[in-house]
Amino acid sequence: MDCTVTQIPYRDTFQFSDLVLDYLDNKPELRTFFEHSVDISGIKNAIRERQQFGTDRKLISEIFREQYSKYTTTELQTVNISFLEKENCFTICTAHQPNIFTGYLYSIYKTAHVIRIAADLSKEFPEFHFVPVFYIGSEDNDLEELGQINVNGVKYRWNTEQRGAVGRMKVDKDLLKIRDEILRQMASYPFGSDLISIIKDAYAEGKTIAEATTILLNHLFGNHGLLVLQPDDARLKAKMVDIFRDDLFKHTANQLLENSNKELGKQYKIQVNPREINLFFLEDDKRDRLTEKGERYCVDGSDREFSTDEIDRLISQEPGKFSPNVVLRGIYQEIILPNILFVGGGSEIAYWLELKPLFKHYHVPYPVIVLRNSFLVLSKEQQHKVNKLGWEISDLFKPDLDLMNGYVKKHSTKKLSLEEEISKLHSLYEQVKSAAGEVDATLLQHVAALEHRAIKELRNLEKKLLRAEKRNYETQQRQLQKIKEELFPKNGLQERVDNFMPWFGMYGQAFIDQVVQCSSAFDQAFGILCLD
């Protein structure tokens, strides 16, 4: 399988927020909201800061060894786990919830991105070792979001009676039914049998969703040395005890981020608003918000409540029962991992820009923040369709109306532009203005209004001429609509709707490897992948 990649500016896709675009452009008004520049200089600064922070490397290496004792590891994964104990080893991290079957294509892209950055930095800094890490947000309880998937335009939803943290849920008969329906679609693909074997190994009845996600990612990225971290572990959360207490009893995060968000919110939409308490109570199949009522701490949706002394003892003795929300998740990640760089999507960039005061307060190194790679993937057949219509693939990001107007103007043999006539009309009115001005200067404004009205009518006629001629190109319009529906499902980006499985079924492991190969470490641009 061959692959070529071309890049276009993110701004030209019309799909990204002003905040993200301004961050990529390094606008001065955002500079106070992050720590390091997205370049080698920023990496060096992040490494220096991390070297001064006491990460429990022995613990994180031990956790990885335990978690990977259940799975077959590649040689590179084994090497990476052993390196984590060393002071010259750092992680390159991305995070994502355990969407069933990885959810959307962008989860594949962000994973490939950390692998590429780690590999490139290992060459740039041979004295250090960089390990790509996928942090599973397994405690997320939004099953409505995580339990659905779109494959070849068919939407599947996991309707399970299970509740609580999705990562703790288990593969049940309802999920197996979805799995088997999807795999029947995949059976006829060239690499369908490989995909079926992988998915069945990962999503076997009784496995937790966190385990299934880990197994699937190991199949796809294990040869690239990716380590998948399941952070739902009491030993890791013990590192957060002081911050948990601070959040519960002093509401520090809420106070710290209030002013920062006020400043950021003057120009941009705030992604995440902190709460007084940014913790959930996590137990068995429940994950419920903690709230403060008087001198009691209550678990929403239940009659459970604690005194200050009771919840303080619980934090010390059973930290695994406490689950950080999005405000505290990032600082948890950076405390337990020797991390220097985080790769995230647009919404993740937005909320990380809110968090800097929190990192400053707790003296935790703030990582380099990199927007994940984005791609539009085209098969050979799709490329042929676009080329046949005479467009560049990058043209497809333009609105349909602009595309078809340009196409008709380019290919029509009829006169559709009235620019020449409008120019002559302008010359005529200049003569009229000259004549009228000699009689009465106050008439000039009236003549100008007449000219404006006449030109406006010609412009309207021009639009009608183009609209009428477009009827002769209905076949091309239908072809454009079809290819746009394939490449921009639901009028959005392909990566935010489609799943990786059809592409894997068509090209096999080579698809994953090519995404890694075509990923760019720090050249922040939107990629167009043309597969052959």
Protein backbone atom coordinates (compact mmCIF):
# COMPACT_ATOMS: atom_id res chain seq x y z
CA MET A 1 0.00 0.00 0.00
CA ASP A 2 1.35 3.40 -1.03
CA CYS A 3 0.27 6.68 0.45
CA THR A 4 0.86 10.33 -0.35
CA VAL A 5 0.07 13.19 1.99
CA THR A 6 -0.46 16.84 1.20
CA GLN A 7 -1.08 19.55 3.74
CA ILE A 8 -3.31 22.60 3.81
CA PRO A 9 -3.60 25.27 6.52
CA TYR A 10 -6.12 24.46 9.22
CA ARG A 11 -7.72 27.83 8.56
CA ASP A 12 -8.57 26.75 4.99
CA THR A 13 -10.71 23.85 6.24
CA PHE A 14 -13.26 26.16 7.92
CA GLN A 15 -13.65 23.48 10.60
CA PHE A 16 -11.65 24.79 13.56
CA SER A 17 -12.41 27.36 16.25
CA ASP A 18 -10.82 30.79 16.45
CA LEU A 19 -9.08 29.78 19.67
CA VAL A 20 -7.39 26.79 18.03
CA LEU A 21 -6.38 28.80 14.97
CA ASP A 22 -4.99 31.61 17.12
CA TYR A 23 -3.08 29.08 19.23
CA LEU A 24 -1.51 27.64 16.09
CA ASP A 25 -0.62 31.17 14.99
CA ASN A 26 0.94 31.84 18.41
CA LYS A 27 -1.16 34.97 18.89
CA PRO A 28 0.22 37.21 21.69
CA GLU A 29 -3.15 37.41 23.46
CA LEU A 30 -2.95 33.65 24.21
CA ARG A 31 0.68 33.55 25.30
CA THR A 32 -0.07 33.87 29.03
CA PHE A 33 -2.33 30.82 28.96
CA PHE A 34 0.32 28.20 28.16
CA GLU A 35 3.91 27.54 29.17
CA HIS A 36 5.97 26.24 26.25
CA SER A 37 6.21 26.94 22.53
CA VAL A 38 5.46 24.07 20.15
CA ASP A 39 9.00 23.58 18.88
CA ILE A 40 12.36 22.17 19.92
CA SER A 41 13.01 25.12 22.21
CA GLY A 42 9.73 24.43 24.02
CA ILE A 43 10.63 20.74 24.31
CA LYS A 44 13.98 21.59 25.91
CA ASN A 45 12.28 23.84 28.44
CA ALA A 46 9.69 21.17 29.25
CA ILE A 47 12.44 18.58 29.79
CA ARG A 48 14.32 20.91 32.16
CA GLU A 49 11.18 21.53 34.21
CA ARG A 50 10.30 17.84 34.33
CA GLN A 51 13.81 16.94 35.51
CA GLN A 52 13.20 19.06 38.60
CA PHE A 53 9.94 17.26 39.46
CA GLY A 54 9.84 14.10 41.52
CA THR A 55 7.87 11.63 39.41
CA ASP A 56 7.48 8.21 41.02
CA ARG A 57 9.05 6.37 38.11
CA LYS A 58 9.31 3.08 39.98
CA LEU A 59 5.55 3.07 40.61
CA ILE A 60 4.47 3.94 37.06
CA SER A 61 6.82 1.30 35.64
CA GLU A 62 5.43 -1.24 38.10
CA ILE A 63 1.84 -0.34 37.14
CA PHE A 64 2.63 -0.79 33.45
CA ARG A 65 4.29 -4.15 34.11
CA GLU A 66 1.25 -5.35 36.04
CA GLN A 67 -1.22 -4.12 33.45
CA TYR A 68 0.79 -5.63 30.58
CA SER A 69 1.29 -8.96 32.34
CA LYS A 70 -2.17 -9.85 30.98
CA TYR A 71 -1.17 -9.24 27.37
CA THR A 72 1.46 -10.23 24.86
CA THR A 73 3.90 -7.35 24.56
CA THR A 74 6.17 -6.48 21.66
CA GLU A 75 9.90 -6.08 22.16
CA LEU A 76 9.63 -2.31 21.86
CA GLN A 77 6.85 -2.14 24.46
CA THR A 78 8.98 -4.18 26.88
CA VAL A 79 11.92 -1.83 26.29
CA ASN A 80 9.74 1.22 26.83
CA ILE A 81 8.37 -0.09 30.13
CA SER A 82 11.89 -0.75 31.43
CA PHE A 83 13.07 2.69 30.32
CA LEU A 84 10.37 4.44 32.35
CA GLU A 85 12.35 3.84 35.52
CA LYS A 86 15.28 5.83 34.16
CA GLU A 87 15.65 9.56 34.77
CA ASN A 88 16.39 10.24 31.10
CA CYS A 89 13.06 8.83 29.92
CA PHE A 90 9.97 10.97 29.28
CA THR A 91 6.49 10.25 28.00
CA ILE A 92 4.60 11.79 25.09
CA CYS A 93 0.96 11.44 26.01
CA THR A 94 -2.49 11.60 24.52
CA ALA A 95 -5.76 10.79 26.28
CA HIS A 96 -9.12 9.55 25.16
CA GLN A 97 -12.23 7.97 26.63
CA PRO A 98 -12.86 4.26 26.00
CA ASN A 99 -15.29 4.70 23.10
CA ILE A 100 -16.43 1.32 21.84
CA PHE A 101 -14.18 0.10 19.00
CA THR A 102 -12.13 3.35 19.40
CA GLY A 103 -15.07 5.51 18.35
CA TYR A 104 -13.89 7.93 15.67
CA LEU A 105 -10.96 8.09 13.29
CA TYR A 106 -9.41 10.97 15.18
CA SER A 107 -8.60 8.68 18.11
CA ILE A 108 -6.39 6.72 15.70
CA TYR A 109 -4.78 9.92 14.45
CA LYS A 110 -3.96 11.28 17.90
CA THR A 111 -2.42 7.93 18.87
CA ALA A 112 -0.29 7.86 15.72
CA HIS A 113 0.76 11.43 16.45
CA VAL A 114 2.29 10.67 19.86
CA ILE A 115 4.14 7.72 18.33
CA ARG A 116 5.59 9.94 15.62
CA ILE A 117 6.60 12.69 18.06
CA ALA A 118 8.28 10.19 20.38
CA ALA A 119 10.22 8.68 17.48
CA ASP A 120 11.30 12.08 16.11
CA LEU A 121 12.36 13.38 19.53
CA SER A 122 14.40 10.24 20.19
CA LYS A 123 16.40 11.13 17.07
CA GLU A 124 16.62 14.81 17.97
CA PHE A 125 17.73 14.08 21.55
CA PRO A 126 19.67 10.77 21.52
CA GLU A 127 20.61 11.27 25.18
CA PHE A 128 16.94 10.83 26.15
CA HIS A 129 14.28 8.17 25.56
CA PHE A 130 10.69 9.12 24.72
CA VAL A 131 7.76 6.76 25.22
CA PRO A 132 4.35 7.22 23.54
CA VAL A 133 1.48 6.75 26.00
CA PHE A 134 -2.27 6.48 25.50
CA TYR A 135 -4.07 7.44 28.73
CA ILE A 136 -7.53 5.85 28.87
CA GLY A 137 -10.13 8.14 30.41
CA SER A 138 -11.79 4.99 31.69
CA GLU A 139 -13.70 6.68 34.50
CA ASP A 140 -15.83 8.73 32.11
CA ASN A 141 -19.47 7.78 32.64
CA ASP A 142 -20.97 9.34 29.51
CA LEU A 143 -22.24 6.16 27.88
CA GLU A 144 -24.46 8.23 25.59
CA GLU A 145 -21.31 9.48 23.88
CA LEU A 146 -18.96 6.53 24.33
CA GLY A 147 -21.45 3.78 23.47
CA GLN A 148 -22.14 4.69 19.85
CA ILE A 149 -20.27 4.14 16.62
CA ASN A 150 -20.75 4.87 12.91
CA VAL A 151 -19.56 2.29 10.38
CA ASN A 152 -20.17 2.79 6.66
CA GLY A 153 -22.97 5.23 7.42
CA VAL A 154 -24.74 2.85 9.80
CA LYS A 155 -25.06 4.09 13.39
CA TYR A 156 -24.88 1.56 16.22
CA ARG A 157 -25.73 2.29 19.84
CA TRP A 158 -24.88 0.09 22.83
CA ASN A 159 -28.01 -0.17 24.98
CA THR A 160 -26.77 -1.74 28.17
CA GLU A 161 -28.22 -1.71 31.67
CA GLN A 162 -24.74 -1.18 33.12
CA ARG A 163 -24.00 2.14 34.80
CA GLY A 164 -21.06 4.10 36.14
CA ALA A 165 -17.54 4.39 34.73
CA VAL A 166 -17.61 3.08 31.15
CA GLY A 167 -14.12 1.60 31.47
CA ARG A 168 -15.37 -0.66 34.26
CA MET A 169 -18.36 -1.89 32.25
CA LYS A 170 -18.10 -5.33 30.71
CA VAL A 171 -18.64 -6.61 27.21
CA ASP A 172 -22.15 -8.06 27.36
CA LYS A 173 -24.48 -9.78 24.94
CA ASP A 174 -25.85 -6.46 23.65
CA LEU A 175 -22.35 -5.28 22.74
CA LEU A 176 -21.50 -8.66 21.22
CA LYS A 177 -24.57 -8.30 19.00
CA ILE A 178 -23.28 -4.94 17.72
CA ARG A 179 -19.80 -6.39 17.31
CA ASP A 180 -21.04 -9.29 15.22
CA GLU A 181 -23.28 -7.09 13.06
CA ILE A 182 -20.32 -4.86 12.23
CA LEU A 183 -18.00 -7.78 11.57
CA ARG A 184 -20.47 -9.27 9.12
CA GLN A 185 -20.02 -6.04 7.14
CA MET A 186 -16.27 -6.46 7.32
CA ALA A 187 -16.14 -10.14 6.27
CA SER A 188 -16.02 -9.36 2.55
CA TYR A 189 -13.16 -6.87 2.83
CA PRO A 190 -9.65 -7.93 1.69
CA PHE A 191 -8.36 -7.84 5.30
CA GLY A 192 -11.70 -8.61 6.90
CA SER A 193 -10.50 -11.85 8.49
CA ASP A 194 -7.58 -10.04 10.19
CA LEU A 195 -9.92 -7.38 11.53
CA ILE A 196 -12.45 -9.93 12.75
CA SER A 197 -9.73 -11.78 14.65
CA ILE A 198 -8.52 -8.56 16.32
CA ILE A 199 -11.97 -7.30 17.29
CA LYS A 200 -13.09 -10.65 18.66
CA ASP A 201 -9.93 -10.95 20.72
CA ALA A 202 -10.45 -7.48 22.21
CA TYR A 203 -14.22 -7.49 22.66
CA ALA A 204 -14.80 -10.88 24.20
CA GLU A 205 -17.68 -11.37 26.62
CA GLY A 206 -16.75 -10.50 30.19
CA LYS A 207 -13.80 -8.24 29.40
CA THR A 208 -14.04 -4.70 30.72
CA ILE A 209 -14.23 -1.90 28.17
CA ALA A 210 -10.87 -0.61 29.44
CA GLU A 211 -9.33 -4.04 28.80
CA ALA A 212 -10.95 -4.29 25.38
CA THR A 213 -9.63 -0.84 24.44
CA THR A 214 -6.14 -1.77 25.61
CA ILE A 215 -6.10 -5.04 23.66
CA LEU A 216 -7.34 -3.34 20.49
CA LEU A 217 -4.75 -0.56 20.73
CA ASN A 218 -2.03 -3.13 21.38
CA HIS A 219 -2.99 -4.97 18.21
CA LEU A 220 -2.92 -1.75 16.19
CA PHE A 221 0.04 0.08 17.72
CA GLY A 222 2.03 -2.42 19.79
CA ASN A 223 4.74 -2.73 17.14
CA HIS A 224 5.25 1.03 17.43
CA GLY A 225 5.94 0.77 21.17
CA LEU A 226 2.73 2.44 22.37
CA LEU A 227 1.92 1.91 26.05
CA VAL A 228 -1.73 2.13 27.14
CA LEU A 229 -2.29 3.35 30.69
CA GLN A 230 -5.35 2.45 32.74
CA PRO A 231 -5.23 5.17 35.46
CA ASP A 232 -8.12 3.76 37.52
CA ASP A 233 -5.69 2.53 40.18
CA ALA A 234 -5.69 3.43 43.90
CA ARG A 235 -1.87 3.46 44.04
CA LEU A 236 -1.72 6.14 41.36
CA LYS A 237 -4.53 8.15 42.93
CA ALA A 238 -2.66 8.15 46.23
CA LYS A 239 -0.36 10.66 44.53
CA MET A 240 -3.37 13.02 44.34
CA VAL A 241 -4.46 12.85 47.99
CA ASP A 242 -3.32 16.37 48.89
CA ILE A 243 -4.93 17.87 45.78
CA PHE A 244 -8.14 15.92 46.40
CA ARG A 245 -8.26 17.36 49.93
CA ASP A 246 -7.54 20.86 48.68
CA ASP A 247 -10.35 20.61 46.17
CA LEU A 248 -12.85 19.22 48.66
CA PHE A 249 -12.14 21.48 51.60
CA LYS A 250 -10.79 24.71 50.04
CA HIS A 251 -12.26 24.60 46.49
CA THR A 252 -8.89 25.74 45.22
CA ALA A 253 -9.34 24.83 41.55
CA ASN A 254 -12.61 26.74 41.35
CA GLN A 255 -11.01 29.84 42.81
CA LEU A 256 -7.84 29.63 40.73
CA LEU A 257 -9.54 29.18 37.39
CA GLU A 258 -12.25 31.79 37.89
CA ASN A 259 -10.02 34.75 37.02
CA SER A 260 -8.16 32.87 34.29
CA ASN A 261 -11.43 31.89 32.60
CA LYS A 262 -12.72 35.43 32.89
CA GLU A 263 -9.71 36.68 30.93
CA LEU A 264 -9.82 33.89 28.33
CA GLY A 265 -13.58 34.30 28.02
CA LYS A 266 -13.26 37.92 26.89
CA GLN A 267 -12.37 36.68 23.42
CA TYR A 268 -13.03 32.93 23.29
CA LYS A 269 -15.65 30.41 24.33
CA ILE A 270 -14.79 28.74 27.63
CA GLN A 271 -14.62 24.98 27.18
CA VAL A 272 -14.84 23.86 30.81
CA ASN A 273 -16.18 25.62 33.89
CA PRO A 274 -14.84 24.36 37.23
CA ARG A 275 -17.15 23.38 40.06
CA GLU A 276 -16.67 24.01 43.75
CA ILE A 277 -15.80 20.31 44.03
CA ASN A 278 -14.24 18.70 40.97
CA LEU A 279 -14.43 15.11 42.15
CA PHE A 280 -16.75 12.16 41.68
CA PHE A 281 -17.33 9.33 44.13
CA LEU A 282 -16.40 6.11 42.34
CA GLU A 283 -17.61 2.80 43.70
CA ASP A 284 -18.52 -0.43 41.93
CA ASP A 285 -20.91 0.52 39.11
CA LYS A 286 -21.47 4.11 40.21
CA ARG A 287 -19.68 7.39 39.54
CA ASP A 288 -21.57 10.28 41.09
CA ARG A 289 -20.67 13.89 41.74
CA LEU A 290 -19.61 14.99 45.20
CA THR A 291 -21.26 18.12 46.57
CA GLU A 292 -21.01 20.07 49.80
CA LYS A 293 -24.15 20.77 51.82
CA GLY A 294 -23.52 22.60 55.03
CA GLU A 295 -20.90 20.60 56.88
CA ARG A 296 -21.67 17.37 55.04
CA TYR A 297 -20.30 15.93 51.79
CA CYS A 298 -22.98 14.25 49.72
CA VAL A 299 -22.96 11.81 46.82
CA ASP A 300 -25.42 13.02 44.20
CA GLY A 301 -28.19 10.60 43.31
CA SER A 302 -27.91 8.67 46.58
CA ASP A 303 -28.46 9.10 50.30
CA ARG A 304 -24.76 8.67 51.06
CA GLU A 305 -23.06 11.50 52.89
CA PHE A 306 -19.94 12.02 54.98
CA SER A 307 -18.70 14.32 57.69
CA THR A 308 -15.46 16.22 57.11
CA ASP A 309 -13.50 13.71 59.22
CA GLU A 310 -15.10 10.72 57.52
CA ILE A 311 -14.33 11.86 53.98
CA ASP A 312 -10.83 12.95 55.00
CA ARG A 313 -10.09 9.45 56.33
CA LEU A 314 -11.62 7.92 53.19
CA ILE A 315 -9.32 9.97 50.93
CA SER A 316 -6.28 8.72 52.87
CA GLN A 317 -7.35 5.11 53.13
CA GLU A 318 -9.19 4.56 49.83
CA PRO A 319 -8.11 7.20 47.26
CA GLY A 320 -9.33 4.91 44.49
CA LYS A 321 -12.89 5.85 45.40
CA PHE A 322 -12.28 9.41 44.17
CA SER A 323 -12.39 10.26 40.50
CA PRO A 324 -11.19 13.61 39.10
CA ASN A 325 -13.35 15.45 36.61
CA VAL A 326 -11.94 17.17 33.51
CA VAL A 327 -10.53 20.05 35.59
CA LEU A 328 -8.30 17.77 37.70
CA ARG A 329 -7.70 14.96 35.18
CA GLY A 330 -4.86 16.75 33.42
CA ILE A 331 -2.90 17.45 36.58
CA TYR A 332 -3.42 13.83 37.67
CA GLN A 333 -1.96 12.67 34.36
CA GLU A 334 1.06 14.96 34.72
CA ILE A 335 1.75 13.92 38.31
CA ILE A 336 1.81 10.18 37.63
CA LEU A 337 3.65 10.25 34.28
CA PRO A 338 7.10 11.71 33.50
CA ASN A 339 5.39 13.64 30.74
CA ILE A 340 6.68 16.58 28.70
CA LEU A 341 4.11 16.84 25.89
CA PHE A 342 0.38 16.34 25.51
CA VAL A 343 -1.38 15.81 22.17
CA GLY A 344 -5.05 16.76 22.10
CA GLY A 345 -7.90 17.80 19.85
CA GLY A 346 -9.38 21.27 19.55
CA SER A 347 -11.63 21.01 22.61
CA GLU A 348 -8.75 19.58 24.66
CA ILE A 349 -6.47 22.45 23.63
CA ALA A 350 -9.23 24.83 24.73
CA TYR A 351 -9.54 23.45 28.25
CA TRP A 352 -5.79 22.94 28.74
CA LEU A 353 -5.38 26.67 28.13
CA GLU A 354 -7.62 27.20 31.16
CA LEU A 355 -5.53 25.03 33.47
CA LYS A 356 -2.17 26.79 33.72
CA PRO A 357 -2.94 28.51 37.09
CA LEU A 358 -3.68 25.10 38.60
CA PHE A 359 -0.29 23.73 37.55
CA LYS A 360 1.46 26.84 38.86
CA HIS A 361 -0.27 26.59 42.22
CA TYR A 362 0.63 22.93 42.76
CA HIS A 363 4.14 23.29 41.26
CA VAL A 364 3.48 20.60 38.66
CA PRO A 365 5.24 20.97 35.25
CA TYR A 366 2.88 22.12 32.52
CA PRO A 367 3.56 20.17 29.31
CA VAL A 368 3.98 21.32 25.73
CA ILE A 369 0.47 21.29 24.24
CA VAL A 370 0.22 20.10 20.62
CA LEU A 371 -2.90 20.02 18.45
CA ARG A 372 -3.38 16.46 17.24
CA ASN A 373 -2.97 15.68 13.55
CA SER A 374 -6.11 15.72 11.41
CA PHE A 375 -6.55 13.89 8.12
CA LEU A 376 -8.98 13.47 5.28
CA VAL A 377 -8.48 9.97 3.83
CA LEU A 378 -9.32 9.13 0.22
CA SER A 379 -9.27 5.78 -1.52
CA LYS A 380 -7.94 5.49 -5.07
CA GLU A 381 -11.52 5.40 -6.36
CA GLN A 382 -12.45 8.59 -4.51
CA GLN A 383 -9.36 10.35 -5.83
CA HIS A 384 -10.37 9.37 -9.35
CA LYS A 385 -13.87 10.83 -8.86
CA VAL A 386 -12.45 14.15 -7.69
CA ASN A 387 -9.88 14.33 -10.48
CA LYS A 388 -12.49 13.47 -13.09
CA LEU A 389 -14.50 16.50 -12.03
CA GLY A 390 -11.41 18.67 -12.48
CA TRP A 391 -10.95 19.72 -8.85
CA GLU A 392 -8.03 19.61 -6.50
CA ILE A 393 -8.85 17.62 -3.38
CA SER A 394 -8.20 20.71 -1.27
CA ASP A 395 -11.02 22.44 -3.21
CA LEU A 396 -13.54 20.13 -1.54
CA PHE A 397 -13.32 22.09 1.70
CA LYS A 398 -15.01 25.01 -0.04
CA PRO A 399 -18.82 25.40 0.13
CA ASP A 400 -20.74 23.47 -2.55
CA LEU A 401 -22.13 26.67 -4.03
CA ASP A 402 -18.67 28.16 -4.55
CA LEU A 403 -17.39 24.90 -6.04
CA MET A 404 -20.18 24.55 -8.57
CA ASN A 405 -20.14 28.23 -9.51
CA GLY A 406 -16.44 27.98 -10.22
CA TYR A 407 -16.92 24.75 -12.16
CA VAL A 408 -19.65 26.17 -14.40
CA LYS A 409 -17.73 29.38 -15.06
CA LYS A 410 -14.66 27.36 -16.00
CA HIS A 411 -16.40 24.89 -18.33
CA SER A 412 -19.32 26.81 -19.84
CA THR A 413 -18.90 28.20 -23.37
CA LYS A 414 -21.62 30.77 -22.77
CA LYS A 415 -21.18 34.32 -21.61
CA LEU A 416 -21.99 34.37 -17.90
CA SER A 417 -19.96 37.34 -16.73
CA LEU A 418 -21.19 40.89 -17.21
CA GLU A 419 -17.99 42.50 -15.99
CA GLU A 420 -17.34 44.12 -19.40
CA GLU A 421 -20.85 45.57 -19.54
CA ILE A 422 -20.63 46.80 -15.94
CA SER A 423 -17.33 48.50 -16.76
CA LYS A 424 -18.93 50.26 -19.75
CA LEU A 425 -21.91 51.23 -17.61
CA HIS A 426 -19.56 52.78 -15.08
CA SER A 427 -17.86 54.81 -17.84
CA LEU A 428 -21.27 55.97 -19.06
CA TYR A 429 -22.29 57.16 -15.61
CA GLU A 430 -18.98 58.98 -15.22
CA GLN A 431 -19.96 60.98 -18.30
CA VAL A 432 -23.43 61.57 -16.85
CA LYS A 433 -21.89 62.75 -13.57
CA SER A 434 -19.68 65.20 -15.44
CA ALA A 435 -22.63 66.62 -17.36
CA ALA A 436 -24.90 66.79 -14.30
CA GLY A 437 -22.19 68.36 -12.18
CA GLU A 438 -21.83 71.26 -14.57
CA VAL A 439 -25.52 72.01 -14.21
CA ASP A 440 -25.99 71.37 -10.46
CA ALA A 441 -23.44 69.77 -8.11
CA THR A 442 -26.24 68.53 -5.85
CA LEU A 443 -27.32 66.13 -8.60
CA LEU A 444 -24.10 64.08 -8.28
CA GLN A 445 -25.47 62.09 -5.33
CA HIS A 446 -28.62 61.27 -7.31
CA VAL A 447 -26.57 60.06 -10.30
CA ALA A 448 -24.40 57.91 -8.01
CA ALA A 449 -27.55 56.29 -6.62
CA LEU A 450 -28.80 55.57 -10.14
CA GLU A 451 -25.47 53.95 -11.02
CA HIS A 452 -25.50 51.83 -7.89
CA ARG A 453 -29.05 50.65 -8.66
CA ALA A 454 -28.21 49.82 -12.29
CA ILE A 455 -25.08 47.87 -11.39
CA LYS A 456 -27.02 45.99 -8.70
CA GLU A 457 -29.59 44.92 -11.29
CA LEU A 458 -26.84 43.69 -13.62
CA ARG A 459 -25.26 41.72 -10.77
CA ASN A 460 -28.63 40.09 -10.09
CA LEU A 461 -28.95 39.25 -13.76
CA GLU A 462 -25.46 37.76 -13.67
CA LYS A 463 -26.51 35.46 -10.82
CA LYS A 464 -29.62 34.41 -12.78
CA LEU A 465 -27.51 33.62 -15.84
CA LEU A 466 -25.21 31.45 -13.75
CA ARG A 467 -28.12 29.76 -11.99
CA ALA A 468 -29.79 28.99 -15.32
CA GLU A 469 -26.59 27.59 -16.83
CA LYS A 470 -26.00 25.40 -13.76
CA ARG A 471 -29.10 23.43 -14.74
CA ASN A 472 -27.06 22.06 -17.61
CA TYR A 473 -24.58 20.65 -15.10
CA GLU A 474 -26.94 18.67 -12.89
CA THR A 475 -24.93 15.48 -13.42
CA GLN A 476 -21.79 17.14 -12.09
CA GLN A 477 -23.75 18.59 -9.17
CA ARG A 478 -25.00 15.13 -8.21
CA GLN A 479 -21.46 13.73 -8.49
CA LEU A 480 -20.14 16.54 -6.29
CA GLN A 481 -22.86 15.96 -3.73
CA LYS A 482 -22.11 12.24 -3.60
CA ILE A 483 -18.36 12.61 -3.13
CA LYS A 484 -18.89 15.33 -0.51
CA GLU A 485 -21.27 13.07 1.40
CA GLU A 486 -18.62 10.34 1.38
CA LEU A 487 -15.76 12.57 2.49
CA PHE A 488 -17.65 15.02 4.71
CA PRO A 489 -20.38 12.96 6.39
CA LYS A 490 -23.03 15.05 8.11
CA ASN A 491 -21.33 18.11 6.57
CA GLY A 492 -18.45 17.72 9.01
CA LEU A 493 -15.00 16.22 9.00
CA GLN A 494 -14.70 12.53 8.16
CA GLU A 495 -12.54 11.94 11.24
CA ARG A 496 -15.32 13.07 13.58
CA VAL A 497 -17.90 10.63 12.22
CA ASP A 498 -16.28 7.53 10.68
CA ASN A 499 -14.57 4.61 12.38
CA PHE A 500 -11.24 3.04 11.44
CA MET A 501 -12.61 -0.46 10.71
CA PRO A 502 -13.59 -0.09 7.02
CA TRP A 503 -10.14 1.35 6.27
CA PHE A 504 -8.42 -1.45 8.16
CA GLY A 505 -10.64 -3.97 6.40
CA MET A 506 -9.58 -2.56 3.03
CA TYR A 507 -5.85 -2.09 3.69
CA GLY A 508 -5.04 -4.06 6.85
CA GLN A 509 -2.31 -3.11 9.30
CA ALA A 510 -0.68 -1.12 6.49
CA PHE A 511 -3.36 1.55 6.99
CA ILE A 512 -2.32 2.08 10.62
CA ASP A 513 1.37 2.04 9.75
CA GLN A 514 0.87 4.57 6.96
CA VAL A 515 -1.03 6.92 9.28
CA VAL A 516 1.94 6.77 11.66
CA GLN A 517 4.37 7.29 8.78
CA CYS A 518 2.43 10.22 7.34
CA SER A 519 1.92 11.90 10.70
CA SER A 520 3.79 15.14 11.21
CA ALA A 521 5.39 15.83 14.57
CA PHE A 522 5.28 19.62 14.70
CA ASP A 523 4.23 20.88 11.24
CA GLN A 524 0.77 21.98 12.27
CA ALA A 525 -1.34 21.57 9.12
CA PHE A 526 -4.34 19.52 8.00
CA GLY A 527 -3.30 16.39 6.10
CA ILE A 528 -4.95 14.87 3.04
CA LEU A 529 -4.06 11.16 2.78
CA CYS A 530 -4.38 9.62 -0.67
CA LEU A 531 -4.21 5.83 -0.49
CA ASP A 532 -3.20 3.66 -3.44
